């Protein structure tokens, strides 16, 4: 049985992965709030951005955390197509949940469906990403901890979407995103503690790419996307702000005539 190290770089990867989860959650919730105040194509675009933000955030959180993962007696590589597929699954399944809430009118059934789908998207991304691992040995899972990790993902996603529906102020959304980031991180490490590895020493070269060859640059690129999109959303006015600005401008225009 190989010894598993979940933090080979100390607190760096757990803290950084938590930050990425919070940024993705905050951006996703803000976009969901914007979507609920919009109609037509604008609502759809905000929901697409929300899904990509949450999906990218949880994927980046997972693989930044995996940069600190190691198993004694074997190196670790990643299957590139499966790793990319895990990102696409995260965004698509989370998108189904976000759209269910965005077009559900706040009904409890829509919230439940959205939370369940989004939570399963988070869990699917995690375990599909784990399937991409290539090492000398066999990976096993504790089914109780796996079930607990999926439950955490569903509850966290439902709570976050409820916050998107009911919490409008930026401060409240920030608090909700911190909670969701903690929940997503908890889901990840619960899933990781479910893992055990029977190492089979071998001199064969493992297929796939190392974390530093593939995961690190991709995580940096996606993290940059989150930061830039967050800045754009933060700086762009909401519908209420545009309306208030237009109302303030009308008296000035009338006085100038």
C-alpha atoms as a PDB file:
ATOM      1  CA  UNK A   1       0.000   0.000   0.000  1.00  0.00           C
ATOM      2  CA  UNK A   2       1.559   3.293  -1.086  1.00  0.00           C
ATOM      3  CA  UNK A   3       1.663   6.268   1.260  1.00  0.00           C
ATOM      4  CA  UNK A   4      -0.424   9.169  -0.069  1.00  0.00           C
ATOM      5  CA  UNK A   5       0.722  12.759   0.336  1.00  0.00           C
ATOM      6  CA  UNK A   6      -2.063  15.303  -0.235  1.00  0.00           C
ATOM      7  CA  UNK A   7       0.081  18.404   0.341  1.00  0.00           C
ATOM      8  CA  UNK A   8       3.561  17.847  -1.057  1.00  0.00           C
ATOM      9  CA  UNK A   9       4.127  21.634  -1.156  1.00  0.00           C
ATOM     10  CA  UNK A  10       2.725  22.270   2.318  1.00  0.00           C
ATOM     11  CA  UNK A  11      -0.209  24.661   2.600  1.00  0.00           C
ATOM     12  CA  UNK A  12       0.454  26.267  -0.803  1.00  0.00           C
ATOM     13  CA  UNK A  13      -1.731  23.997  -2.957  1.00  0.00           C
ATOM     14  CA  UNK A  14      -4.677  23.654  -0.496  1.00  0.00           C
ATOM     15  CA  UNK A  15      -4.848  27.431   0.039  1.00  0.00           C
ATOM     16  CA  UNK A  16      -4.401  28.297  -3.631  1.00  0.00           C
ATOM     17  CA  UNK A  17      -6.985  25.707  -4.689  1.00  0.00           C
ATOM     18  CA  UNK A  18      -9.465  27.151  -2.157  1.00  0.00           C
ATOM     19  CA  UNK A  19      -8.882  30.645  -3.565  1.00  0.00           C
ATOM     20  CA  UNK A  20      -9.588  29.388  -7.099  1.00  0.00           C
ATOM     21  CA  UNK A  21     -12.796  27.675  -5.936  1.00  0.00           C
ATOM     22  CA  UNK A  22     -13.941  30.916  -4.257  1.00  0.00           C
ATOM     23  CA  UNK A  23     -13.203  33.035  -7.335  1.00  0.00           C
ATOM     24  CA  UNK A  24     -15.103  30.640  -9.589  1.00  0.00           C
ATOM     25  CA  UNK A  25     -18.050  30.542  -7.166  1.00  0.00           C
ATOM     26  CA  UNK A  26     -18.131  34.341  -6.728  1.00  0.00           C
ATOM     27  CA  UNK A  27     -18.022  34.937 -10.477  1.00  0.00           C
ATOM     28  CA  UNK A  28     -20.661  32.284 -11.118  1.00  0.00           C
ATOM     29  CA  UNK A  29     -23.011  33.695  -8.481  1.00  0.00           C
ATOM     30  CA  UNK A  30     -22.596  37.272  -9.711  1.00  0.00           C
ATOM     31  CA  UNK A  31     -23.340  36.157 -13.282  1.00  0.00           C
ATOM     32  CA  UNK A  32     -26.402  34.243 -12.064  1.00  0.00           C
ATOM     33  CA  UNK A  33     -27.653  37.385 -10.287  1.00  0.00           C
ATOM     34  CA  UNK A  34     -27.113  39.369 -13.508  1.00  0.00           C
ATOM     35  CA  UNK A  35     -28.943  36.686 -15.509  1.00  0.00           C
ATOM     36  CA  UNK A  36     -31.998  36.818 -13.252  1.00  0.00           C
ATOM     37  CA  UNK A  37     -32.272  40.551 -13.934  1.00  0.00           C
ATOM     38  CA  UNK A  38     -31.952  40.133 -17.710  1.00  0.00           C
ATOM     39  CA  UNK A  39     -34.063  38.690 -20.507  1.00  0.00           C
ATOM     40  CA  UNK A  40     -33.583  37.023 -23.864  1.00  0.00           C
ATOM     41  CA  UNK A  41     -30.085  36.644 -25.261  1.00  0.00           C
ATOM     42  CA  UNK A  42     -28.560  38.641 -22.403  1.00  0.00           C
ATOM     43  CA  UNK A  43     -29.890  36.168 -19.809  1.00  0.00           C
ATOM     44  CA  UNK A  44     -28.557  33.242 -21.816  1.00  0.00           C
ATOM     45  CA  UNK A  45     -25.116  34.840 -22.138  1.00  0.00           C
ATOM     46  CA  UNK A  46     -24.906  35.541 -18.397  1.00  0.00           C
ATOM     47  CA  UNK A  47     -25.885  31.945 -17.614  1.00  0.00           C
ATOM     48  CA  UNK A  48     -23.283  30.582 -20.031  1.00  0.00           C
ATOM     49  CA  UNK A  49     -20.664  32.751 -18.330  1.00  0.00           C
ATOM     50  CA  UNK A  50     -21.861  31.546 -14.905  1.00  0.00           C
ATOM     51  CA  UNK A  51     -21.591  27.894 -15.957  1.00  0.00           C
ATOM     52  CA  UNK A  52     -18.116  28.365 -17.444  1.00  0.00           C
ATOM     53  CA  UNK A  53     -16.963  30.240 -14.330  1.00  0.00           C
ATOM     54  CA  UNK A  54     -18.200  27.644 -11.840  1.00  0.00           C
ATOM     55  CA  UNK A  55     -17.007  24.750 -14.008  1.00  0.00           C
ATOM     56  CA  UNK A  56     -13.593  26.322 -14.581  1.00  0.00           C
ATOM     57  CA  UNK A  57     -13.293  27.240 -10.892  1.00  0.00           C
ATOM     58  CA  UNK A  58     -13.960  23.732  -9.578  1.00  0.00           C
ATOM     59  CA  UNK A  59     -11.726  22.155 -12.241  1.00  0.00           C
ATOM     60  CA  UNK A  60      -8.866  24.533 -11.464  1.00  0.00           C
ATOM     61  CA  UNK A  61      -9.414  23.960  -7.719  1.00  0.00           C
ATOM     62  CA  UNK A  62      -9.205  20.185  -8.220  1.00  0.00           C
ATOM     63  CA  UNK A  63      -6.054  20.140 -10.304  1.00  0.00           C
ATOM     64  CA  UNK A  64      -4.222  22.844  -8.347  1.00  0.00           C
ATOM     65  CA  UNK A  65      -4.840  20.635  -5.302  1.00  0.00           C
ATOM     66  CA  UNK A  66      -3.616  17.628  -7.312  1.00  0.00           C
ATOM     67  CA  UNK A  67      -0.289  19.395  -7.918  1.00  0.00           C
ATOM     68  CA  UNK A  68       0.419  18.570  -4.258  1.00  0.00           C
ATOM     69  CA  UNK A  69      -0.698  14.940  -4.537  1.00  0.00           C
ATOM     70  CA  UNK A  70       1.884  12.173  -4.538  1.00  0.00           C
ATOM     71  CA  UNK A  71       2.191   8.451  -3.874  1.00  0.00           C
ATOM     72  CA  UNK A  72       5.396   6.879  -2.553  1.00  0.00           C
ATOM     73  CA  UNK A  73       6.847   4.268  -4.877  1.00  0.00           C
ATOM     74  CA  UNK A  74       5.411   5.601  -8.123  1.00  0.00           C
ATOM     75  CA  UNK A  75       5.368   8.693 -10.250  1.00  0.00           C
ATOM     76  CA  UNK A  76       2.048  10.144 -11.406  1.00  0.00           C
ATOM     77  CA  UNK A  77       1.022  11.192 -14.872  1.00  0.00           C
ATOM     78  CA  UNK A  78      -2.260  12.343 -16.399  1.00  0.00           C
ATOM     79  CA  UNK A  79      -4.139  11.177 -19.477  1.00  0.00           C
ATOM     80  CA  UNK A  80      -4.503  14.428 -21.441  1.00  0.00           C
ATOM     81  CA  UNK A  81      -7.787  13.721 -23.315  1.00  0.00           C
ATOM     82  CA  UNK A  82      -9.524  12.484 -20.133  1.00  0.00           C
ATOM     83  CA  UNK A  83      -8.307  15.509 -18.190  1.00  0.00           C
ATOM     84  CA  UNK A  84      -9.694  17.900 -20.808  1.00  0.00           C
ATOM     85  CA  UNK A  85     -12.917  15.863 -20.922  1.00  0.00           C
ATOM     86  CA  UNK A  86     -13.306  16.352 -17.157  1.00  0.00           C
ATOM     87  CA  UNK A  87     -13.219  20.135 -17.707  1.00  0.00           C
ATOM     88  CA  UNK A  88     -15.851  19.946 -20.463  1.00  0.00           C
ATOM     89  CA  UNK A  89     -18.077  17.690 -18.330  1.00  0.00           C
ATOM     90  CA  UNK A  90     -17.821  20.153 -15.447  1.00  0.00           C
ATOM     91  CA  UNK A  91     -18.912  23.108 -17.582  1.00  0.00           C
ATOM     92  CA  UNK A  92     -21.684  21.236 -19.448  1.00  0.00           C
ATOM     93  CA  UNK A  93     -23.288  19.524 -16.431  1.00  0.00           C
ATOM     94  CA  UNK A  94     -22.961  22.623 -14.259  1.00  0.00           C
ATOM     95  CA  UNK A  95     -24.475  24.566 -17.173  1.00  0.00           C
ATOM     96  CA  UNK A  96     -27.563  22.336 -17.125  1.00  0.00           C
ATOM     97  CA  UNK A  97     -28.019  23.081 -13.429  1.00  0.00           C
ATOM     98  CA  UNK A  98     -27.451  26.824 -13.801  1.00  0.00           C
ATOM     99  CA  UNK A  99     -29.901  27.069 -16.712  1.00  0.00           C
ATOM    100  CA  UNK A 100     -32.496  25.093 -14.734  1.00  0.00           C
ATOM    101  CA  UNK A 101     -32.298  27.726 -12.000  1.00  0.00           C
ATOM    102  CA  UNK A 102     -31.979  30.672 -14.385  1.00  0.00           C
ATOM    103  CA  UNK A 103     -35.163  29.775 -16.250  1.00  0.00           C
ATOM    104  CA  UNK A 104     -36.988  28.121 -13.343  1.00  0.00           C
ATOM    105  CA  UNK A 105     -38.391  31.325 -11.878  1.00  0.00           C
ATOM    106  CA  UNK A 106     -37.097  30.516  -8.404  1.00  0.00           C
ATOM    107  CA  UNK A 107     -39.374  27.487  -7.973  1.00  0.00           C
ATOM    108  CA  UNK A 108     -38.196  24.927  -5.363  1.00  0.00           C
ATOM    109  CA  UNK A 109     -38.308  22.157  -7.962  1.00  0.00           C
ATOM    110  CA  UNK A 110     -36.009  24.104 -10.282  1.00  0.00           C
ATOM    111  CA  UNK A 111     -33.634  24.844  -7.388  1.00  0.00           C
ATOM    112  CA  UNK A 112     -33.552  21.167  -6.388  1.00  0.00           C
ATOM    113  CA  UNK A 113     -32.939  20.050  -9.982  1.00  0.00           C
ATOM    114  CA  UNK A 114     -30.293  22.721 -10.482  1.00  0.00           C
ATOM    115  CA  UNK A 115     -28.509  21.884  -7.215  1.00  0.00           C
ATOM    116  CA  UNK A 116     -28.605  18.142  -7.886  1.00  0.00           C
ATOM    117  CA  UNK A 117     -27.326  18.513 -11.448  1.00  0.00           C
ATOM    118  CA  UNK A 118     -24.617  21.023 -10.532  1.00  0.00           C
ATOM    119  CA  UNK A 119     -23.478  18.908  -7.573  1.00  0.00           C
ATOM    120  CA  UNK A 120     -23.297  15.802  -9.729  1.00  0.00           C
ATOM    121  CA  UNK A 121     -21.323  17.858 -12.250  1.00  0.00           C
ATOM    122  CA  UNK A 122     -18.784  18.751  -9.548  1.00  0.00           C
ATOM    123  CA  UNK A 123     -18.519  15.109  -8.455  1.00  0.00           C
ATOM    124  CA  UNK A 124     -18.319  13.851 -12.052  1.00  0.00           C
ATOM    125  CA  UNK A 125     -15.483  16.258 -12.793  1.00  0.00           C
ATOM    126  CA  UNK A 126     -13.599  15.096  -9.686  1.00  0.00           C
ATOM    127  CA  UNK A 127     -13.864  11.365 -10.314  1.00  0.00           C
ATOM    128  CA  UNK A 128     -13.350  11.645 -14.066  1.00  0.00           C
ATOM    129  CA  UNK A 129     -10.242  13.680 -13.295  1.00  0.00           C
ATOM    130  CA  UNK A 130      -9.115  10.917 -10.939  1.00  0.00           C
ATOM    131  CA  UNK A 131      -9.691   8.358 -13.713  1.00  0.00           C
ATOM    132  CA  UNK A 132      -7.116  10.299 -15.750  1.00  0.00           C
ATOM    133  CA  UNK A 133      -4.393   9.382 -13.210  1.00  0.00           C
ATOM    134  CA  UNK A 134      -1.696   7.071 -14.490  1.00  0.00           C
ATOM    135  CA  UNK A 135       0.548   5.380 -11.917  1.00  0.00           C
ATOM    136  CA  UNK A 136       2.263   2.070 -11.172  1.00  0.00           C
ATOM    137  CA  UNK A 137      -0.457   0.316  -9.209  1.00  0.00           C
ATOM    138  CA  UNK A 138      -4.196   0.113  -8.627  1.00  0.00           C
ATOM    139  CA  UNK A 139      -6.421   2.844  -7.179  1.00  0.00           C
ATOM    140  CA  UNK A 140      -9.220   1.877  -4.766  1.00  0.00           C
ATOM    141  CA  UNK A 141     -12.008   3.945  -3.176  1.00  0.00           C
ATOM    142  CA  UNK A 142     -13.859   3.806   0.124  1.00  0.00           C
ATOM    143  CA  UNK A 143     -17.519   3.791  -1.047  1.00  0.00           C
ATOM    144  CA  UNK A 144     -18.782   5.516   2.124  1.00  0.00           C
ATOM    145  CA  UNK A 145     -16.413   8.467   1.690  1.00  0.00           C
ATOM    146  CA  UNK A 146     -17.200   8.626  -2.030  1.00  0.00           C
ATOM    147  CA  UNK A 147     -20.932   8.848  -1.260  1.00  0.00           C
ATOM    148  CA  UNK A 148     -20.219  11.517   1.385  1.00  0.00           C
ATOM    149  CA  UNK A 149     -18.194  13.566  -1.113  1.00  0.00           C
ATOM    150  CA  UNK A 150     -21.056  13.462  -3.640  1.00  0.00           C
ATOM    151  CA  UNK A 151     -23.538  14.500  -0.938  1.00  0.00           C
ATOM    152  CA  UNK A 152     -21.301  17.441   0.029  1.00  0.00           C
ATOM    153  CA  UNK A 153     -21.118  18.507  -3.632  1.00  0.00           C
ATOM    154  CA  UNK A 154     -24.914  18.420  -4.084  1.00  0.00           C
ATOM    155  CA  UNK A 155     -25.646  20.279  -0.819  1.00  0.00           C
ATOM    156  CA  UNK A 156     -22.971  22.894  -1.581  1.00  0.00           C
ATOM    157  CA  UNK A 157     -24.258  23.458  -5.121  1.00  0.00           C
ATOM    158  CA  UNK A 158     -27.877  23.764  -3.952  1.00  0.00           C
ATOM    159  CA  UNK A 159     -26.918  26.251  -1.236  1.00  0.00           C
ATOM    160  CA  UNK A 160     -24.867  28.306  -3.707  1.00  0.00           C
ATOM    161  CA  UNK A 161     -27.683  28.442  -6.265  1.00  0.00           C
ATOM    162  CA  UNK A 162     -30.150  29.381  -3.531  1.00  0.00           C
ATOM    163  CA  UNK A 163     -27.799  32.223  -2.642  1.00  0.00           C
ATOM    164  CA  UNK A 164     -27.736  33.286  -6.292  1.00  0.00           C
ATOM    165  CA  UNK A 165     -31.524  33.439  -6.296  1.00  0.00           C
ATOM    166  CA  UNK A 166     -32.030  35.144  -2.946  1.00  0.00           C
ATOM    167  CA  UNK A 167     -28.896  37.165  -2.196  1.00  0.00           C
ATOM    168  CA  UNK A 168     -28.291  40.283  -4.256  1.00  0.00           C
ATOM    169  CA  UNK A 169     -25.765  42.402  -2.351  1.00  0.00           C
ATOM    170  CA  UNK A 170     -22.068  42.000  -3.317  1.00  0.00           C
ATOM    171  CA  UNK A 171     -21.051  41.441   0.330  1.00  0.00           C
ATOM    172  CA  UNK A 172     -23.563  38.621   0.770  1.00  0.00           C
ATOM    173  CA  UNK A 173     -22.471  37.034  -2.515  1.00  0.00           C
ATOM    174  CA  UNK A 174     -18.852  37.221  -1.340  1.00  0.00           C
ATOM    175  CA  UNK A 175     -19.728  35.417   1.890  1.00  0.00           C
ATOM    176  CA  UNK A 176     -21.710  32.805  -0.074  1.00  0.00           C
ATOM    177  CA  UNK A 177     -18.752  32.259  -2.426  1.00  0.00           C
ATOM    178  CA  UNK A 178     -16.385  31.746   0.525  1.00  0.00           C
ATOM    179  CA  UNK A 179     -18.759  29.129   1.919  1.00  0.00           C
ATOM    180  CA  UNK A 180     -19.120  27.434  -1.467  1.00  0.00           C
ATOM    181  CA  UNK A 181     -15.331  27.451  -1.933  1.00  0.00           C
ATOM    182  CA  UNK A 182     -14.941  25.739   1.438  1.00  0.00           C
ATOM    183  CA  UNK A 183     -17.611  23.190   0.526  1.00  0.00           C
ATOM    184  CA  UNK A 184     -16.021  22.399  -2.856  1.00  0.00           C
ATOM    185  CA  UNK A 185     -12.611  22.017  -1.189  1.00  0.00           C
ATOM    186  CA  UNK A 186     -14.182  19.772   1.462  1.00  0.00           C
ATOM    187  CA  UNK A 187     -15.749  17.651  -1.257  1.00  0.00           C
ATOM    188  CA  UNK A 188     -12.382  17.326  -3.002  1.00  0.00           C
ATOM    189  CA  UNK A 189     -10.407  16.274   0.061  1.00  0.00           C
ATOM    190  CA  UNK A 190     -13.185  13.955   1.252  1.00  0.00           C
ATOM    191  CA  UNK A 191     -12.956  12.269  -2.144  1.00  0.00           C
ATOM    192  CA  UNK A 192      -9.168  12.145  -1.875  1.00  0.00           C
ATOM    193  CA  UNK A 193      -9.265  10.589   1.594  1.00  0.00           C
ATOM    194  CA  UNK A 194     -11.413   7.851   0.030  1.00  0.00           C
ATOM    195  CA  UNK A 195      -8.433   6.888  -2.140  1.00  0.00           C
ATOM    196  CA  UNK A 196      -5.949   4.113  -1.432  1.00  0.00           C
ATOM    197  CA  UNK A 197      -3.289   2.845  -3.824  1.00  0.00           C
ATOM    198  CA  UNK A 198      -1.711  -0.602  -4.120  1.00  0.00           C
ATOM    199  CA  UNK A 199       1.670   0.237  -5.642  1.00  0.00           C
ATOM    200  CA  UNK A 200       3.229  -2.200  -8.103  1.00  0.00           C
ATOM    201  CA  UNK A 201       6.857  -1.088  -8.623  1.00  0.00           C
ATOM    202  CA  UNK A 202       7.804  -1.010 -12.278  1.00  0.00           C
ATOM    203  CA  UNK A 203      10.483   0.437 -14.505  1.00  0.00           C
ATOM    204  CA  UNK A 204       8.042   1.087 -17.346  1.00  0.00           C
ATOM    205  CA  UNK A 205       7.540   4.659 -18.481  1.00  0.00           C
ATOM    206  CA  UNK A 206       4.000   5.781 -17.684  1.00  0.00           C
ATOM    207  CA  UNK A 207       1.868   7.202 -20.514  1.00  0.00           C
ATOM    208  CA  UNK A 208       0.481  10.725 -20.327  1.00  0.00           C
ATOM    209  CA  UNK A 209       1.890  14.033 -19.120  1.00  0.00           C
ATOM    210  CA  UNK A 210       3.276  15.083 -15.760  1.00  0.00           C
ATOM    211  CA  UNK A 211       1.426  17.669 -13.681  1.00  0.00           C
ATOM    212  CA  UNK A 212       4.027  20.343 -14.398  1.00  0.00           C
ATOM    213  CA  UNK A 213       4.023  19.619 -18.131  1.00  0.00           C
ATOM    214  CA  UNK A 214       0.265  19.858 -18.582  1.00  0.00           C
ATOM    215  CA  UNK A 215      -1.829  20.557 -15.470  1.00  0.00           C
ATOM    216  CA  UNK A 216       0.147  23.551 -14.216  1.00  0.00           C
ATOM    217  CA  UNK A 217       0.123  25.631 -17.440  1.00  0.00           C
ATOM    218  CA  UNK A 218      -3.541  24.809 -18.094  1.00  0.00           C
ATOM    219  CA  UNK A 219      -4.489  25.742 -14.519  1.00  0.00           C
ATOM    220  CA  UNK A 220      -2.592  29.040 -14.863  1.00  0.00           C
ATOM    221  CA  UNK A 221      -4.429  29.795 -18.123  1.00  0.00           C
ATOM    222  CA  UNK A 222      -7.849  29.020 -16.663  1.00  0.00           C
ATOM    223  CA  UNK A 223      -7.027  30.957 -13.509  1.00  0.00           C
ATOM    224  CA  UNK A 224      -6.157  33.977 -15.638  1.00  0.00           C
ATOM    225  CA  UNK A 225      -9.505  33.606 -17.418  1.00  0.00           C
ATOM    226  CA  UNK A 226     -11.302  33.672 -14.061  1.00  0.00           C
ATOM    227  CA  UNK A 227      -9.441  36.764 -12.868  1.00  0.00           C
ATOM    228  CA  UNK A 228     -10.008  38.706 -16.099  1.00  0.00           C
ATOM    229  CA  UNK A 229     -13.676  37.737 -16.359  1.00  0.00           C
ATOM    230  CA  UNK A 230     -14.187  38.632 -12.688  1.00  0.00           C
ATOM    231  CA  UNK A 231     -12.735  42.069 -13.325  1.00  0.00           C
ATOM    232  CA  UNK A 232     -15.008  42.563 -16.355  1.00  0.00           C
ATOM    233  CA  UNK A 233     -18.135  41.525 -14.424  1.00  0.00           C
ATOM    234  CA  UNK A 234     -17.177  43.654 -11.427  1.00  0.00           C
ATOM    235  CA  UNK A 235     -16.653  46.740 -13.587  1.00  0.00           C
ATOM    236  CA  UNK A 236     -19.675  46.332 -15.872  1.00  0.00           C
ATOM    237  CA  UNK A 237     -22.816  48.070 -14.562  1.00  0.00           C
ATOM    238  CA  UNK A 238     -25.904  46.081 -13.619  1.00  0.00           C
ATOM    239  CA  UNK A 239     -29.297  46.774 -15.192  1.00  0.00           C
ATOM    240  CA  UNK A 240     -30.319  48.663 -12.035  1.00  0.00           C
ATOM    241  CA  UNK A 241     -27.184  50.794 -12.144  1.00  0.00           C
ATOM    242  CA  UNK A 242     -27.741  51.633 -15.822  1.00  0.00           C
ATOM    243  CA  UNK A 243     -31.332  52.578 -15.105  1.00  0.00           C
ATOM    244  CA  UNK A 244     -30.279  54.766 -12.171  1.00  0.00           C
ATOM    245  CA  UNK A 245     -27.636  56.430 -14.331  1.00  0.00           C
ATOM    246  CA  UNK A 246     -30.165  57.078 -17.094  1.00  0.00           C
ATOM    247  CA  UNK A 247     -32.646  58.527 -14.577  1.00  0.00           C
ATOM    248  CA  UNK A 248     -29.982  60.867 -13.222  1.00  0.00           C
ATOM    249  CA  UNK A 249     -28.998  61.916 -16.744  1.00  0.00           C
ATOM    250  CA  UNK A 250     -32.517  62.866 -17.895  1.00  0.00           C
ATOM    251  CA  UNK A 251     -32.900  65.966 -15.660  1.00  0.00           C
ATOM    252  CA  UNK A 252     -29.507  67.213 -16.838  1.00  0.00           C
ATOM    253  CA  UNK A 253     -30.499  66.783 -20.462  1.00  0.00           C
ATOM    254  CA  UNK A 254     -33.805  68.598 -19.845  1.00  0.00           C
ATOM    255  CA  UNK A 255     -32.008  71.495 -18.127  1.00  0.00           C
ATOM    256  CA  UNK A 256     -29.613  71.809 -21.031  1.00  0.00           C
ATOM    257  CA  UNK A 257     -32.407  72.365 -23.571  1.00  0.00           C
END
